[in-house]
Protein backbone atom coordinates (compact mmCIF):
# COMPACT_ATOMS: atom_id res chain seq x y z
CA MET A 1 176.96 145.88 181.46
CA LYS A 2 173.83 144.18 183.38
CA LYS A 3 171.99 141.39 181.61
CA ILE A 4 168.12 141.46 181.42
CA ARG A 5 166.77 138.21 182.55
CA HIS A 6 163.39 137.26 180.92
CA VAL A 7 161.23 135.40 183.38
CA ARG A 8 158.21 133.39 182.02
CA ARG A 9 155.08 134.07 184.17
CA PRO A 10 153.12 130.99 184.91
CA PHE A 11 149.68 130.78 183.99
CA ARG A 12 147.34 132.27 186.80
CA LYS A 13 143.72 131.50 186.56
CA TYR A 14 141.84 135.06 186.08
CA PRO A 15 144.72 137.34 186.59
CA LEU A 16 143.44 140.82 186.23
CA THR A 17 145.91 143.53 185.03
CA ALA A 18 145.58 147.32 183.80
CA ASN A 19 147.26 147.89 180.45
CA CYS A 20 148.82 151.03 179.26
CA THR A 21 145.61 152.65 178.44
CA GLY A 22 144.17 151.69 181.71
CA ARG A 23 141.67 149.30 180.73
CA ALA A 24 141.39 146.14 182.54
CA GLU A 25 142.39 143.02 180.73
CA PHE A 26 142.86 139.35 181.80
CA GLU A 27 146.46 137.76 181.10
CA ASN A 28 146.23 135.26 178.05
CA THR A 29 143.48 137.10 176.58
CA VAL A 30 143.70 139.50 173.59
CA PHE A 31 141.20 142.22 172.27
CA GLY A 32 141.65 143.04 168.74
CA ARG A 33 140.26 146.32 167.09
CA HIS A 34 140.88 145.80 163.54
CA ASN A 35 138.46 148.07 161.67
CA GLY A 36 139.55 151.15 163.32
CA ASP A 37 136.17 152.11 164.63
CA GLY A 38 137.45 151.88 168.36
CA THR A 39 135.14 148.35 168.89
CA ILE A 40 136.50 145.21 169.66
CA ASP A 41 136.42 143.02 166.70
CA SER A 42 137.76 139.95 167.94
CA ILE A 43 138.76 138.13 171.22
CA LEU A 44 141.25 135.24 171.85
CA VAL A 45 141.70 133.50 174.99
CA ALA A 46 144.42 131.03 175.26
CA ASP A 47 145.48 128.61 178.26
CA SER A 48 148.71 127.59 179.67
CA VAL A 49 149.21 124.50 177.12
CA TYR A 50 148.59 126.93 174.11
CA ARG A 51 145.04 126.04 173.05
CA HIS A 52 142.92 128.80 172.40
CA PHE A 53 139.45 130.06 171.47
CA SER A 54 138.89 132.95 169.30
CA PHE A 55 135.58 135.08 168.39
CA VAL A 56 135.60 137.33 165.54
CA GLU A 57 133.25 140.01 164.27
CA VAL A 58 133.53 140.47 160.59
CA ASP A 59 130.86 142.37 158.81
CA GLY A 60 130.70 145.24 161.35
CA ASP A 61 127.23 144.54 162.87
CA GLY A 62 128.45 144.21 166.22
CA ALA A 63 127.77 140.46 166.38
CA PHE A 64 130.27 137.74 166.61
CA ASP A 65 130.40 136.09 163.03
CA SER A 66 132.90 133.17 163.80
CA TYR A 67 134.67 131.52 166.27
CA GLU A 68 137.87 129.10 166.08
CA PHE A 69 139.21 126.67 168.29
CA THR A 70 142.96 125.57 168.30
CA THR A 71 144.59 122.58 169.94
CA GLY A 72 147.69 124.13 170.38
CA MET A 73 150.75 125.51 168.62
CA ASP A 74 152.79 122.63 167.26
CA VAL A 75 152.91 121.14 163.88
CA ASN A 76 150.64 118.24 165.03
CA SER A 77 147.69 120.90 166.17
CA GLU A 78 144.71 121.55 164.81
CA SER A 79 142.36 124.39 164.03
CA PHE A 80 138.78 124.23 163.68
CA ARG A 81 136.51 127.50 162.46
CA ASP A 82 132.98 127.75 162.63
CA ASP A 83 131.61 130.59 159.94
CA GLY A 84 128.00 131.81 160.82
CA MET A 85 128.13 130.56 164.56
CA ASP A 86 125.87 127.75 163.82
CA GLY A 87 127.63 125.23 165.89
CA GLN A 88 129.10 123.46 162.69
CA TYR A 89 132.75 123.61 161.90
CA ASP A 90 133.33 124.83 158.58
CA LEU A 91 137.45 124.71 158.02
CA ARG A 92 139.92 122.44 159.56
CA ILE A 93 143.42 123.27 159.46
CA GLY A 94 146.23 120.66 160.39
CA PRO A 95 147.64 118.42 161.38
CA GLY A 96 150.72 120.05 159.55
CA GLY A 97 149.49 122.38 156.55
CA ALA A 98 146.61 119.97 155.61
CA MET A 99 143.14 121.65 155.15
CA ALA A 100 139.53 120.30 155.03
CA VAL A 101 136.19 122.21 154.09
CA SER A 102 132.80 120.70 155.75
CA VAL A 103 130.23 120.34 153.16
CA GLY A 104 127.11 118.58 153.74
CA SER A 105 128.59 117.45 157.42
CA ARG A 106 131.33 115.72 155.54
CA TRP A 107 135.28 116.76 155.37
CA HIS A 108 136.54 117.41 151.92
CA GLU A 109 140.56 117.88 151.61
CA VAL A 110 141.37 121.15 149.96
CA VAL A 111 143.67 120.78 147.09
CA HIS A 112 145.68 123.94 145.74
CA GLU A 113 146.48 124.50 142.10
CA ASP A 114 147.65 127.60 140.47
CA ARG A 115 146.83 129.75 143.47
CA GLN A 116 143.35 128.57 143.66
CA SER A 117 141.64 126.19 146.34
CA TYR A 118 139.64 123.49 145.31
CA VAL A 119 137.70 120.81 146.94
CA GLU A 120 136.48 117.35 145.22
CA LEU A 121 132.72 117.30 145.19
CA ASP A 122 130.74 114.50 143.25
CA GLY A 123 134.10 113.69 141.44
CA LYS A 124 135.02 117.13 140.14
CA LEU A 125 137.31 119.87 141.39
CA VAL A 126 135.24 122.90 142.66
CA PRO A 127 136.81 126.49 143.54
CA VAL A 128 136.23 127.44 147.23
CA GLN A 129 137.16 130.67 148.92
CA LEU A 130 138.71 129.83 152.40
CA PHE A 131 138.77 133.39 154.16
CA PRO A 132 137.09 135.47 155.42
CA VAL A 133 134.61 132.65 155.54
CA VAL A 134 134.06 129.29 153.52
CA ARG A 135 132.30 129.63 150.30
CA ILE A 136 132.08 126.99 147.35
CA ILE A 137 132.06 129.13 144.38
CA GLU A 138 129.89 127.73 141.35
CA ASN A 139 129.29 129.43 137.91
CA GLU A 140 130.89 132.92 139.21
CA LYS A 141 128.11 132.72 141.91
CA ASP A 142 129.10 132.40 145.77
CA GLU A 143 127.15 129.76 147.47
CA SER A 144 127.61 128.83 151.18
CA ALA A 145 129.38 125.84 151.70
CA LYS A 146 127.22 124.97 154.74
CA GLY A 147 124.06 123.22 154.69
CA GLY A 148 124.87 120.28 152.37
CA GLU A 149 125.24 121.78 148.82
């Protein structure tokens, strides 16, 4: 029986190939279609050292709603996500499993207790929603974590 040898192809600048559907795609680029309507919901572009950018459309209006930058794939890497495409990162993941939320242009570490995520604001733990977008939860009413609240 003949052994199959796997060869890792080196990263090439802008290599264009055709996938099985006949559509042209770039290597190191992934187009996501998650909501079932056939439109592109996300684009992920990676480089040869595993850093990547991804752009995501969340609410179905056809416009990208957030982007994420990841510094690599090892345990010391960090990811930064900007919800709302306003140029301000809202969520930081890493290094390791650490998470932080940006509130009022300051990073606040996320604390996980009893299956809920919290951040400390003004000396008290406040519930926070991390996915699909960052939201501070106050008095059963969601408020955006952005803008210094």
